[in-house]
Amino acid sequence: MAQAYNKNFDWSAELHKTVVHSLTTSFGLDFLLIKDKVGGDVDTVHNVRQGIWATEKEKAAFDNRGEYDSHAYHSNKTYIEKGRADKKLQAQGKLHDKYRDTNFQAGESRQLDHVVSAHEVHNDPGRVLAGLDGAKLANQESNLSSTHGYLNNLKKDHSMEEFVNRIVPKQIAAKKASIQKNQEKLESLPADTPKQRHEKQKLQDKINKEKEHLKALEEFDGKGAMEADKKARQAMDQQINKEYYTSSKFFKETAVASAKKGALMGARQALGLVLAEIWFELIERIPEIFRYCTQKAAFEFEVFLEKIKTTFTNIVERVKVRFRDLLTSFADGVIGGILASITTTILNTFFTSQKLIVKLIRESWNSLVKAAKILFFNPEDLRAGDLTREVIRILGSGAAIAVGTILNGHLEQMLKLPFGSSIAAFISAMATGILTLGLTYYLDHSAVMQKVWDFLNALKSKYEKLLDSVQAANAKLDRYLTELSKLEFQMNPDELAAFASALATTNSEIERSLVLRKEIQRRNIKLPFESGNHSSVRSWLKSKQQ
């Protein structure tokens, strides 16, 4: 129902209610019931690669993955077959080196490299989480590339990014310095005796080898190597993601985490409502009990206990009255918690969510569920204006809780002192309450907004317009049928009833024919045959047959 514009608004009472509800739900029970974790409650490939585990079981599985066995990775069938195929291509001059963007020369040093190192694949938490075989994953076609033997040995277990940006530039500088040093040394060596010439030749061979290595380093194409690394990682990540995110393990963990979070959210909302009702009853009765006790000359303990008993009885009655609201709060909390958990899990496949983000998602879904329920089901059958106002109120309250949640997160970091978290919760609840009441007052008591609601309430939905048109059509149809009945029979209902009664009381065909003939004559109805004349009737029937 639309509320009339009213300037009277009990801010203190409304603020008290709002703050109590905030303290008993978002800022009071979370630390008891819901433990938000960085990265959420379900393990994702992205998070485990950051060292963030949601479950101890998966962390233990990674810790027990076993040591890296180089032989197992380099004796793989695919690895061996790829090496043999590349050897044949090199002999034909058709083998391309992606790292140097050139074809191999016949007899040139060549080794088969794991683009993403086998060591990295083995120790990848994402691979372990997905349960894929490391040797099989590392030795697929997209992750194998032949390159100069020196480059492969130099790369070792380094990532391609580190190899391109640090190892290669550093080694180029080192090789140039070594060649120059050895070249100077070579020029100073004597060559008088066979031994001296042998030593000089050894140094020359070393210089030639270093020049070959320097040539390979200078030919190294960092951009091409990074592109090969990107494609290899994409292929592996695609397999890991598909294997894990379509597995029964992931769906089971997601379902369990969502159900658990939903139950906790439902319990938080329902328990918060109960605690709020307890507080509201106590705040009303305690001053009354205090006045009674202080006004009595002698304290009567039995009477005091009776007052306390009455108070708790009233609390039970208040909760009973709101039992339906209790179930509704629990159901809304369950749905909001499930959706929040699923949303958090999806987001954590792309980035690691912090505790604050997890809480914001949860509180946002709690408000969205309430808004969606009233918007799509409209249980109170509100008009367009009132419905819009209630949806805005719910979403606005959710936004206020989000602001309070952010404020609470910052205050908890700042107030590193005894009862600091309690102080932060109170200030956050107060801020939430003030924002919520400000919006509520504006929506309910603003003259401008009242005009907006009245305008929207005056509008009819397409279903209401359709109902009006159907009702108008029915009214016209009823009118036409009434007029048609008058034209058709030219008699009133009493005459019809008398005629029907006369027919019903006849006992033979002769009597029935007499009643009909009398009515025909009375109404002057012209028949194609003579009534009562059998020959005339037969003659008419024969003419119709012909």
Protein backbone atom coordinates (compact mmCIF):
# COMPACT_ATOMS: atom_id res chain seq x y z
CA MET A 1 0.00 0.00 0.00
CA ALA A 2 1.23 3.49 -0.81
CA GLN A 3 2.12 5.53 2.22
CA ALA A 4 0.97 9.08 2.58
CA TYR A 5 3.53 11.82 2.83
CA ASN A 6 4.33 12.33 6.50
CA LYS A 7 6.97 14.43 8.19
CA ASN A 8 6.70 12.54 11.49
CA PHE A 9 9.47 9.97 11.68
CA ASP A 10 10.87 8.44 14.87
CA TRP A 11 14.54 8.37 13.93
CA SER A 12 15.79 7.07 17.28
CA ALA A 13 13.45 4.06 17.32
CA GLU A 14 14.02 3.19 13.67
CA LEU A 15 17.79 3.61 14.01
CA HIS A 16 17.75 1.34 17.06
CA LYS A 17 15.92 -1.39 15.14
CA THR A 18 18.16 -1.12 12.08
CA VAL A 19 21.41 -1.15 14.08
CA VAL A 20 20.25 -4.14 16.15
CA HIS A 21 19.37 -6.09 12.99
CA SER A 22 22.75 -5.22 11.47
CA LEU A 23 24.63 -6.23 14.62
CA THR A 24 22.77 -9.52 14.92
CA THR A 25 23.40 -10.49 11.28
CA SER A 26 26.06 -8.90 9.08
CA PHE A 27 28.41 -7.59 11.79
CA GLY A 28 27.62 -9.76 14.81
CA LEU A 29 27.18 -13.39 13.79
CA ASP A 30 29.56 -13.66 10.85
CA PHE A 31 32.58 -14.22 13.07
CA LEU A 32 30.75 -17.06 14.86
CA LEU A 33 29.07 -18.84 11.93
CA ILE A 34 30.79 -17.88 8.69
CA LYS A 35 34.54 -18.00 8.25
CA ASP A 36 35.39 -16.17 5.05
CA LYS A 37 38.64 -17.28 3.45
CA VAL A 38 40.89 -15.72 0.85
CA GLY A 39 40.04 -17.53 -2.36
CA GLY A 40 36.69 -18.89 -1.21
CA ASP A 41 35.76 -22.44 -0.17
CA VAL A 42 36.45 -24.37 -3.39
CA ASP A 43 39.89 -25.04 -4.86
CA THR A 44 40.46 -23.50 -8.29
CA VAL A 45 43.37 -23.87 -10.70
CA HIS A 46 44.15 -20.16 -10.47
CA ASN A 47 44.22 -20.11 -6.68
CA VAL A 48 46.34 -23.21 -6.12
CA ARG A 49 48.93 -21.80 -8.52
CA GLN A 50 49.09 -18.81 -6.17
CA GLY A 51 49.66 -21.14 -3.22
CA ILE A 52 46.10 -20.64 -1.90
CA TRP A 53 44.29 -23.84 -1.00
CA ALA A 54 40.67 -24.09 0.07
CA THR A 55 40.91 -27.68 1.34
CA GLU A 56 43.61 -29.51 3.23
CA LYS A 57 42.95 -32.65 1.17
CA GLU A 58 44.06 -31.04 -2.10
CA LYS A 59 47.05 -29.37 -0.43
CA ALA A 60 48.14 -32.73 0.95
CA ALA A 61 47.76 -34.29 -2.52
CA PHE A 62 50.11 -31.64 -3.93
CA ASP A 63 52.62 -32.06 -1.11
CA ASN A 64 52.70 -35.81 -1.79
CA ARG A 65 53.07 -35.53 -5.58
CA GLY A 66 56.54 -37.09 -5.48
CA GLU A 67 59.93 -35.87 -6.65
CA TYR A 68 60.58 -34.83 -10.23
CA ASP A 69 61.99 -37.76 -12.27
CA SER A 70 63.76 -36.44 -15.37
CA HIS A 71 64.11 -39.91 -16.86
CA ALA A 72 60.35 -40.53 -16.77
CA TYR A 73 59.70 -37.32 -18.70
CA HIS A 74 62.51 -37.76 -21.26
CA SER A 75 61.86 -41.45 -21.95
CA ASN A 76 58.24 -40.83 -22.84
CA LYS A 77 57.17 -42.47 -26.10
CA THR A 78 55.89 -39.22 -27.64
CA TYR A 79 59.15 -37.45 -26.73
CA ILE A 80 61.26 -40.15 -28.39
CA GLU A 81 59.13 -40.30 -31.55
CA LYS A 82 59.21 -36.51 -31.89
CA GLY A 83 63.01 -36.52 -31.59
CA ARG A 84 63.34 -39.13 -34.35
CA ALA A 85 60.96 -37.27 -36.65
CA ASP A 86 62.85 -33.99 -36.15
CA LYS A 87 66.16 -35.75 -36.88
CA LYS A 88 64.84 -36.84 -40.30
CA LEU A 89 63.55 -33.34 -41.05
CA GLN A 90 66.92 -31.85 -40.09
CA ALA A 91 68.70 -34.19 -42.52
CA GLN A 92 66.34 -32.94 -45.24
CA GLY A 93 66.94 -29.31 -44.27
CA LYS A 94 63.23 -28.87 -43.41
CA LEU A 95 63.38 -28.62 -39.59
CA HIS A 96 62.47 -25.16 -38.30
CA ASP A 97 63.80 -23.80 -35.01
CA LYS A 98 61.05 -21.68 -33.42
CA TYR A 99 63.50 -20.18 -30.95
CA ARG A 100 65.80 -18.83 -33.69
CA ASP A 101 63.26 -18.49 -36.52
CA THR A 102 65.55 -20.38 -38.89
CA ASN A 103 65.99 -23.88 -40.32
CA PHE A 104 68.60 -26.24 -38.91
CA GLN A 105 71.75 -26.93 -40.87
CA ALA A 106 72.76 -30.53 -41.51
CA GLY A 107 74.99 -31.72 -38.65
CA GLU A 108 74.11 -28.71 -36.47
CA SER A 109 73.74 -29.42 -32.76
CA ARG A 110 70.04 -30.11 -32.02
CA GLN A 111 68.12 -31.10 -28.90
CA LEU A 112 64.40 -31.50 -28.22
CA ASP A 113 63.22 -28.99 -25.65
CA HIS A 114 60.13 -28.91 -23.44
CA VAL A 115 58.85 -25.39 -24.13
CA VAL A 116 57.29 -25.34 -20.67
CA SER A 117 59.93 -27.26 -18.76
CA ALA A 118 59.08 -30.76 -17.60
CA HIS A 119 60.17 -29.74 -14.10
CA GLU A 120 57.60 -26.91 -14.10
CA VAL A 121 54.85 -29.19 -15.40
CA HIS A 122 55.57 -31.77 -12.73
CA ASN A 123 55.41 -29.16 -9.95
CA ASP A 124 52.36 -27.33 -11.32
CA PRO A 125 49.65 -27.30 -8.60
CA GLY A 126 47.00 -26.92 -11.30
CA ARG A 127 48.07 -30.15 -12.97
CA VAL A 128 48.05 -32.00 -9.65
CA LEU A 129 44.61 -30.57 -8.81
CA ALA A 130 43.25 -31.81 -12.15
CA GLY A 131 44.88 -35.22 -11.63
CA LEU A 132 46.64 -35.25 -15.02
CA ASP A 133 49.76 -37.31 -15.76
CA GLY A 134 52.75 -34.94 -15.86
CA ALA A 135 54.80 -36.86 -18.42
CA LYS A 136 51.86 -37.13 -20.81
CA LEU A 137 50.96 -33.46 -20.40
CA ALA A 138 54.55 -32.20 -20.85
CA ASN A 139 55.25 -34.33 -23.94
CA GLN A 140 52.38 -33.30 -26.17
CA GLU A 141 53.17 -31.86 -29.62
CA SER A 142 52.54 -28.21 -28.67
CA ASN A 143 55.11 -28.39 -25.85
CA LEU A 144 57.98 -29.97 -27.81
CA SER A 145 60.32 -27.91 -29.96
CA SER A 146 63.78 -28.72 -31.32
CA THR A 147 66.40 -26.01 -30.86
CA HIS A 148 70.16 -25.58 -30.75
CA GLY A 149 71.68 -27.93 -28.20
CA TYR A 150 73.47 -25.10 -26.40
CA LEU A 151 70.22 -23.12 -25.99
CA ASN A 152 68.42 -26.17 -24.63
CA ASN A 153 71.17 -26.92 -22.11
CA LEU A 154 71.25 -23.26 -21.10
CA LYS A 155 67.48 -23.08 -20.66
CA LYS A 156 67.34 -26.08 -18.29
CA ASP A 157 64.35 -25.70 -15.96
CA HIS A 158 64.01 -21.95 -16.34
CA SER A 159 60.73 -20.46 -17.43
CA MET A 160 60.72 -18.99 -20.93
CA GLU A 161 60.16 -15.50 -19.55
CA GLU A 162 63.22 -15.73 -17.30
CA PHE A 163 65.26 -17.31 -20.10
CA VAL A 164 64.39 -14.53 -22.57
CA ASN A 165 64.70 -11.57 -20.22
CA ARG A 166 67.60 -12.61 -17.98
CA ILE A 167 69.52 -15.71 -18.97
CA VAL A 168 70.11 -14.96 -22.68
CA PRO A 169 71.20 -11.28 -22.30
CA LYS A 170 73.48 -12.19 -19.40
CA GLN A 171 75.03 -15.09 -21.32
CA ILE A 172 75.60 -12.99 -24.47
CA ALA A 173 77.58 -10.48 -22.43
CA ALA A 174 79.53 -13.27 -20.71
CA LYS A 175 80.36 -15.01 -24.01
CA LYS A 176 81.58 -11.83 -25.65
CA ALA A 177 83.83 -11.08 -22.69
CA SER A 178 85.18 -14.66 -22.66
CA ILE A 179 85.87 -14.67 -26.42
CA GLN A 180 87.71 -11.38 -26.21
CA LYS A 181 89.76 -12.57 -23.25
CA ASN A 182 90.66 -15.88 -24.89
CA GLN A 183 91.41 -14.13 -28.18
CA GLU A 184 93.94 -11.91 -26.46
CA LYS A 185 95.40 -14.89 -24.67
CA LEU A 186 95.63 -16.81 -27.97
CA GLU A 187 97.62 -14.04 -29.59
CA SER A 188 100.12 -14.03 -26.74
CA LEU A 189 100.73 -17.80 -26.79
CA PRO A 190 103.95 -19.02 -28.47
CA ALA A 191 103.80 -21.78 -31.11
CA ASP A 192 107.44 -22.92 -31.19
CA THR A 193 107.05 -26.47 -29.96
CA PRO A 194 104.44 -29.15 -30.77
CA LYS A 195 103.09 -28.91 -27.21
CA GLN A 196 102.71 -25.14 -27.49
CA ARG A 197 100.96 -25.48 -30.82
CA HIS A 198 98.65 -28.11 -29.32
CA GLU A 199 97.72 -25.82 -26.41
CA LYS A 200 97.15 -22.96 -28.83
CA GLN A 201 94.90 -25.15 -30.98
CA LYS A 202 92.87 -26.21 -27.95
CA LEU A 203 92.30 -22.58 -27.08
CA GLN A 204 91.36 -21.83 -30.68
CA ASP A 205 88.83 -24.69 -30.64
CA LYS A 206 87.40 -23.28 -27.43
CA ILE A 207 87.06 -19.86 -29.02
CA ASN A 208 85.35 -21.38 -32.07
CA LYS A 209 82.92 -23.21 -29.81
CA GLU A 210 82.16 -20.05 -27.90
CA LYS A 211 81.59 -18.20 -31.17
CA GLU A 212 79.16 -20.93 -32.22
CA HIS A 213 77.32 -20.53 -28.91
CA LEU A 214 77.36 -16.74 -29.25
CA LYS A 215 75.91 -17.06 -32.76
CA ALA A 216 73.09 -19.26 -31.42
CA LEU A 217 72.44 -16.73 -28.63
CA GLU A 218 72.39 -13.80 -31.02
CA GLU A 219 70.09 -15.68 -33.39
CA PHE A 220 67.73 -16.40 -30.51
CA ASP A 221 64.33 -14.83 -31.24
CA GLY A 222 62.82 -13.90 -27.88
CA LYS A 223 59.48 -12.90 -29.42
CA GLY A 224 59.14 -16.22 -31.27
CA ALA A 225 60.16 -18.17 -28.18
CA MET A 226 57.59 -16.35 -26.03
CA GLU A 227 54.92 -17.01 -28.65
CA ALA A 228 55.75 -20.73 -28.58
CA ASP A 229 55.60 -20.65 -24.78
CA LYS A 230 52.23 -18.88 -24.87
CA LYS A 231 50.72 -21.47 -27.21
CA ALA A 232 52.13 -24.37 -25.20
CA ARG A 233 50.75 -22.96 -21.94
CA GLN A 234 47.36 -22.26 -23.49
CA ALA A 235 47.11 -25.84 -24.73
CA MET A 236 48.04 -27.25 -21.32
CA ASP A 237 45.83 -24.83 -19.40
CA GLN A 238 42.91 -25.72 -21.65
CA GLN A 239 43.38 -29.41 -20.85
CA ILE A 240 43.84 -28.79 -17.14
CA ASN A 241 40.78 -26.52 -16.91
CA LYS A 242 38.60 -28.89 -18.92
CA GLU A 243 39.69 -31.90 -16.90
CA TYR A 244 39.16 -30.23 -13.53
CA TYR A 245 36.14 -27.98 -14.07
CA THR A 246 34.13 -30.77 -15.73
CA SER A 247 35.09 -33.35 -13.13
CA SER A 248 32.73 -34.82 -10.55
CA LYS A 249 35.25 -33.76 -7.90
CA PHE A 250 34.83 -30.07 -8.71
CA PHE A 251 31.03 -30.28 -8.93
CA LYS A 252 30.90 -32.19 -5.66
CA GLU A 253 33.13 -29.68 -3.86
CA THR A 254 31.13 -26.77 -5.29
CA ALA A 255 27.82 -28.34 -4.28
CA VAL A 256 29.01 -29.15 -0.75
CA ALA A 257 30.53 -25.69 -0.25
CA SER A 258 27.40 -23.98 -1.62
CA ALA A 259 25.06 -26.05 0.55
CA LYS A 260 27.20 -25.43 3.61
CA LYS A 261 27.41 -21.69 2.98
CA GLY A 262 23.68 -21.56 2.25
CA ALA A 263 22.84 -23.34 5.51
CA LEU A 264 25.13 -21.02 7.49
CA MET A 265 23.66 -17.93 5.83
CA GLY A 266 20.14 -19.18 6.53
CA ALA A 267 21.06 -19.90 10.14
CA ARG A 268 22.64 -16.46 10.46
CA GLN A 269 19.57 -14.68 9.15
CA ALA A 270 17.13 -16.71 11.28
CA LEU A 271 19.24 -16.55 14.42
CA GLY A 272 19.74 -12.83 13.91
CA LEU A 273 15.98 -12.35 13.77
CA VAL A 274 15.53 -14.33 17.00
CA LEU A 275 18.27 -12.39 18.80
CA ALA A 276 16.77 -9.11 17.63
CA GLU A 277 13.35 -10.08 19.02
CA ILE A 278 14.95 -11.12 22.31
CA TRP A 279 16.70 -7.77 22.55
CA PHE A 280 13.57 -5.77 21.68
CA GLU A 281 11.58 -7.58 24.39
CA LEU A 282 14.33 -7.16 26.99
CA ILE A 283 14.77 -3.47 26.24
CA GLU A 284 11.03 -3.00 26.88
CA ARG A 285 10.77 -5.12 30.04
CA ILE A 286 14.03 -4.44 31.89
CA PRO A 287 13.16 -0.79 32.73
CA GLU A 288 9.75 -1.96 33.98
CA ILE A 289 11.35 -4.63 36.21
CA PHE A 290 13.88 -2.10 37.48
CA ARG A 291 11.18 0.41 38.40
CA TYR A 292 9.16 -2.27 40.18
CA CYS A 293 12.14 -3.43 42.22
CA THR A 294 13.25 0.08 43.21
CA GLN A 295 9.78 1.20 44.20
CA LYS A 296 9.29 -1.70 46.62
CA ALA A 297 10.42 -1.19 50.24
CA ALA A 298 11.59 -4.79 50.44
CA PHE A 299 12.90 -6.74 47.50
CA GLU A 300 10.70 -9.77 46.81
CA PHE A 301 12.77 -12.39 45.00
CA GLU A 302 9.77 -14.53 44.05
CA VAL A 303 8.05 -11.59 42.40
CA PHE A 304 11.30 -10.74 40.59
CA LEU A 305 11.54 -14.29 39.25
CA GLU A 306 7.92 -14.10 38.15
CA LYS A 307 8.68 -10.93 36.19
CA ILE A 308 11.67 -12.61 34.53
CA LYS A 309 9.53 -15.63 33.69
CA THR A 310 6.89 -13.37 32.14
CA THR A 311 9.60 -11.64 30.11
CA PHE A 312 10.92 -14.89 28.65
CA THR A 313 7.36 -16.07 27.97
CA ASN A 314 6.80 -12.87 26.01
CA ILE A 315 10.03 -13.50 24.10
CA VAL A 316 8.79 -16.95 23.07
CA GLU A 317 5.47 -15.46 21.98
CA ARG A 318 7.23 -12.78 19.91
CA VAL A 319 9.29 -15.42 18.16
CA LYS A 320 6.16 -17.55 17.55
CA VAL A 321 4.38 -14.58 16.01
CA ARG A 322 7.30 -14.06 13.64
CA PHE A 323 7.80 -17.76 12.91
CA ARG A 324 6.77 -17.29 9.31
CA ASP A 325 9.28 -14.42 8.98
CA LEU A 326 11.83 -16.72 10.59
CA LEU A 327 11.33 -19.38 7.91
CA THR A 328 11.38 -16.74 5.19
CA SER A 329 14.66 -15.28 6.50
CA PHE A 330 16.17 -18.75 6.67
CA ALA A 331 15.08 -19.61 3.11
CA ASP A 332 16.31 -16.28 1.73
CA GLY A 333 19.61 -16.76 3.53
CA VAL A 334 20.03 -20.28 2.14
CA ILE A 335 19.38 -19.16 -1.45
CA GLY A 336 21.61 -16.11 -1.07
CA GLY A 337 24.39 -18.18 0.48
CA ILE A 338 24.27 -20.79 -2.29
CA LEU A 339 24.36 -18.17 -5.06
CA ALA A 340 27.13 -16.25 -3.28
CA SER A 341 29.25 -19.40 -2.95
CA ILE A 342 28.80 -20.28 -6.63
CA THR A 343 29.60 -16.70 -7.67
CA THR A 344 32.73 -16.67 -5.51
CA THR A 345 33.89 -19.98 -7.00
CA ILE A 346 33.39 -18.70 -10.55
CA LEU A 347 35.30 -15.49 -9.82
CA ASN A 348 38.15 -17.45 -8.26
CA THR A 349 38.72 -19.27 -11.53
CA PHE A 350 39.97 -15.91 -12.87
CA PHE A 351 41.40 -14.10 -9.83
CA THR A 352 41.84 -14.65 -6.11
CA SER A 353 39.06 -13.05 -4.09
CA GLN A 354 39.94 -11.45 -0.77
CA LYS A 355 37.87 -11.92 2.40
CA LEU A 356 36.23 -8.53 1.95
CA ILE A 357 35.15 -9.39 -1.60
CA VAL A 358 33.72 -12.73 -0.43
CA LYS A 359 31.64 -10.97 2.23
CA LEU A 360 30.47 -8.27 -0.20
CA ILE A 361 29.34 -10.93 -2.67
CA ARG A 362 27.46 -12.75 0.07
CA GLU A 363 25.69 -9.63 1.38
CA SER A 364 24.89 -8.48 -2.16
CA TRP A 365 23.25 -11.79 -3.06
CA ASN A 366 21.27 -11.71 0.16
CA SER A 367 19.71 -8.41 -0.94
CA LEU A 368 19.31 -9.47 -4.57
CA VAL A 369 17.37 -12.60 -3.58
CA LYS A 370 14.91 -10.54 -1.55
CA ALA A 371 14.53 -7.99 -4.34
CA ALA A 372 14.06 -10.67 -7.02
CA LYS A 373 11.46 -12.48 -4.93
CA ILE A 374 9.32 -9.39 -4.42
CA LEU A 375 9.85 -8.23 -8.01
CA PHE A 376 8.92 -11.49 -9.75
CA PHE A 377 6.40 -12.97 -7.33
CA ASN A 378 4.97 -9.80 -5.75
CA PRO A 379 3.43 -11.76 -2.83
CA GLU A 380 1.57 -8.70 -1.48
CA ASP A 381 0.16 -7.82 -4.91
CA LEU A 382 1.67 -4.32 -4.83
CA ARG A 383 0.96 -1.72 -7.49
CA ALA A 384 3.78 -0.62 -9.82
CA GLY A 385 4.81 2.35 -7.69
CA ASP A 386 4.77 0.51 -4.37
CA LEU A 387 6.58 -2.45 -5.93
CA THR A 388 9.30 -0.18 -7.34
CA ARG A 389 9.71 1.53 -3.98
CA GLU A 390 10.11 -1.76 -2.11
CA VAL A 391 12.67 -3.09 -4.61
CA ILE A 392 14.69 0.15 -4.36
CA ARG A 393 14.47 -0.02 -0.57
CA ILE A 394 15.84 -3.58 -0.49
CA LEU A 395 18.64 -2.84 -2.97
CA GLY A 396 19.46 0.37 -1.10
CA SER A 397 19.69 -1.52 2.17
CA GLY A 398 22.02 -3.99 0.48
CA ALA A 399 24.18 -1.12 -0.76
CA ALA A 400 24.27 0.32 2.78
CA ILE A 401 25.39 -3.06 4.15
CA ALA A 402 28.09 -3.19 1.46
CA VAL A 403 29.36 0.25 2.52
CA GLY A 404 29.28 -0.88 6.15
CA THR A 405 31.17 -4.05 5.24
CA ILE A 406 33.92 -2.08 3.49
CA LEU A 407 34.12 0.31 6.46
CA ASN A 408 34.27 -2.64 8.85
CA GLY A 409 37.18 -4.16 6.91
CA HIS A 410 39.19 -0.93 7.12
CA LEU A 411 38.38 -0.35 10.79
CA GLU A 412 39.45 -3.85 11.76
CA GLN A 413 42.84 -3.14 10.18
CA MET A 414 43.14 0.20 11.98
CA LEU A 415 41.79 -0.70 15.44
CA LYS A 416 44.48 -3.13 16.58
CA LEU A 417 43.51 -2.89 20.25
CA PRO A 418 41.39 -4.78 22.81
CA PHE A 419 37.75 -5.00 21.66
CA GLY A 420 38.82 -3.37 18.40
CA SER A 421 36.72 -5.77 16.30
CA SER A 422 33.65 -5.07 18.48
CA ILE A 423 34.12 -1.33 18.11
CA ALA A 424 34.53 -1.74 14.35
CA ALA A 425 31.34 -3.83 14.18
CA PHE A 426 29.36 -1.22 16.13
CA ILE A 427 30.58 1.71 14.02
CA SER A 428 29.90 -0.23 10.82
CA ALA A 429 26.41 -1.18 11.98
CA MET A 430 25.73 2.44 12.93
CA ALA A 431 26.86 3.65 9.50
CA THR A 432 24.71 1.00 7.82
CA GLY A 433 21.73 2.01 9.92
CA ILE A 434 22.07 5.71 9.15
CA LEU A 435 22.38 5.09 5.42
CA THR A 436 19.44 2.68 5.43
CA LEU A 437 17.23 5.07 7.38
CA GLY A 438 18.18 7.99 5.17
CA LEU A 439 17.09 6.08 2.09
CA THR A 440 13.94 4.76 3.82
CA TYR A 441 12.91 8.23 4.95
CA TYR A 442 13.45 9.66 1.49
CA LEU A 443 11.48 6.87 -0.21
CA ASP A 444 8.58 6.89 2.26
CA HIS A 445 8.29 10.52 3.33
CA SER A 446 9.58 12.64 0.48
CA ALA A 447 6.85 14.65 -1.27
CA VAL A 448 8.73 14.33 -4.56
CA MET A 449 9.05 10.55 -4.33
CA GLN A 450 5.41 10.28 -3.25
CA LYS A 451 4.40 11.92 -6.53
CA VAL A 452 6.56 9.41 -8.39
CA TRP A 453 4.93 6.45 -6.59
CA ASP A 454 1.44 7.86 -7.19
CA PHE A 455 2.20 8.32 -10.89
CA LEU A 456 3.51 4.74 -11.20
CA ASN A 457 0.56 3.36 -9.24
CA ALA A 458 -1.80 5.06 -11.70
CA LEU A 459 -0.21 3.18 -14.58
CA LYS A 460 -1.64 -0.17 -15.58
CA SER A 461 0.43 -3.11 -16.63
CA LYS A 462 -0.21 -4.88 -19.94
CA TYR A 463 -1.90 -7.69 -18.01
CA GLU A 464 -4.26 -5.26 -16.27
CA LYS A 465 -5.08 -3.66 -19.62
CA LEU A 466 -5.72 -7.09 -21.13
CA LEU A 467 -8.01 -7.97 -18.22
CA ASP A 468 -9.96 -4.74 -18.69
CA SER A 469 -10.41 -5.43 -22.41
CA VAL A 470 -11.56 -9.01 -21.74
CA GLN A 471 -14.04 -7.81 -19.13
CA ALA A 472 -15.40 -5.17 -21.54
CA ALA A 473 -15.75 -7.80 -24.29
CA ASN A 474 -17.61 -10.11 -21.88
CA ALA A 475 -20.01 -7.30 -20.95
CA LYS A 476 -20.73 -6.61 -24.64
CA LEU A 477 -21.19 -10.32 -25.33
CA ASP A 478 -23.67 -10.66 -22.45
CA ARG A 479 -25.63 -7.68 -23.80
CA TYR A 480 -25.71 -9.07 -27.33
CA LEU A 481 -26.85 -12.51 -26.13
CA THR A 482 -29.65 -10.94 -24.10
CA GLU A 483 -30.87 -8.98 -27.11
CA LEU A 484 -30.52 -12.02 -29.35
CA SER A 485 -32.61 -14.17 -27.00
CA LYS A 486 -35.39 -11.57 -27.08
CA LEU A 487 -35.40 -11.49 -30.90
CA GLU A 488 -35.31 -15.27 -31.18
CA PHE A 489 -38.10 -16.30 -28.81
CA GLN A 490 -40.20 -13.16 -28.29
CA MET A 491 -41.24 -14.43 -24.86
CA ASN A 492 -40.37 -13.81 -21.33
CA PRO A 493 -38.91 -16.42 -18.94
CA ASP A 494 -42.33 -17.04 -17.30
CA GLU A 495 -43.92 -17.97 -20.63
CA LEU A 496 -41.02 -20.33 -21.41
CA ALA A 497 -41.39 -21.97 -18.00
CA ALA A 498 -45.19 -22.45 -18.49
CA PHE A 499 -44.69 -23.97 -21.95
CA ALA A 500 -42.02 -26.35 -20.69
CA SER A 501 -44.24 -27.39 -17.76
CA ALA A 502 -47.17 -28.12 -20.12
CA LEU A 503 -44.99 -30.37 -22.26
CA ALA A 504 -43.64 -32.17 -19.20
CA THR A 505 -47.10 -33.03 -17.86
CA THR A 506 -48.33 -34.69 -21.09
CA ASN A 507 -48.74 -38.49 -20.99
CA SER A 508 -48.93 -39.34 -24.72
CA GLU A 509 -47.88 -38.16 -28.15
CA ILE A 510 -51.46 -37.00 -28.86
CA GLU A 511 -51.51 -34.75 -25.80
CA ARG A 512 -48.00 -33.44 -26.67
CA SER A 513 -49.08 -32.66 -30.26
CA LEU A 514 -52.12 -30.78 -28.96
CA VAL A 515 -49.95 -28.60 -26.70
CA LEU A 516 -47.57 -27.87 -29.56
CA ARG A 517 -50.45 -27.11 -32.01
CA LYS A 518 -52.01 -24.72 -29.51
CA GLU A 519 -48.71 -22.87 -29.01
CA ILE A 520 -48.15 -22.68 -32.81
CA GLN A 521 -51.60 -21.23 -33.34
CA ARG A 522 -51.16 -18.77 -30.46
CA ARG A 523 -47.92 -17.48 -31.89
CA ASN A 524 -49.24 -17.59 -35.49
CA ILE A 525 -46.31 -19.70 -36.71
CA LYS A 526 -46.63 -20.78 -40.36
CA LEU A 527 -45.68 -24.41 -41.03
CA PRO A 528 -44.89 -26.03 -44.44
CA PHE A 529 -47.55 -28.66 -43.70
CA GLU A 530 -51.02 -28.79 -42.07
CA SER A 531 -50.73 -29.48 -38.36
CA GLY A 532 -52.58 -32.67 -37.35
CA ASN A 533 -53.02 -33.87 -40.99
CA HIS A 534 -50.89 -36.99 -41.43
CA SER A 535 -51.21 -36.98 -45.25
CA SER A 536 -49.95 -33.41 -45.41
CA VAL A 537 -46.96 -34.28 -43.21
CA ARG A 538 -46.09 -37.33 -45.37
CA SER A 539 -46.37 -35.28 -48.53
CA TRP A 540 -43.96 -32.65 -47.11
CA LEU A 541 -41.47 -35.28 -46.01
CA LYS A 542 -41.53 -36.91 -49.51
CA SER A 543 -40.85 -33.54 -51.12
CA LYS A 544 -37.79 -33.10 -48.87
CA GLN A 545 -36.58 -36.58 -49.72
CA GLN A 546 -36.78 -35.81 -53.47
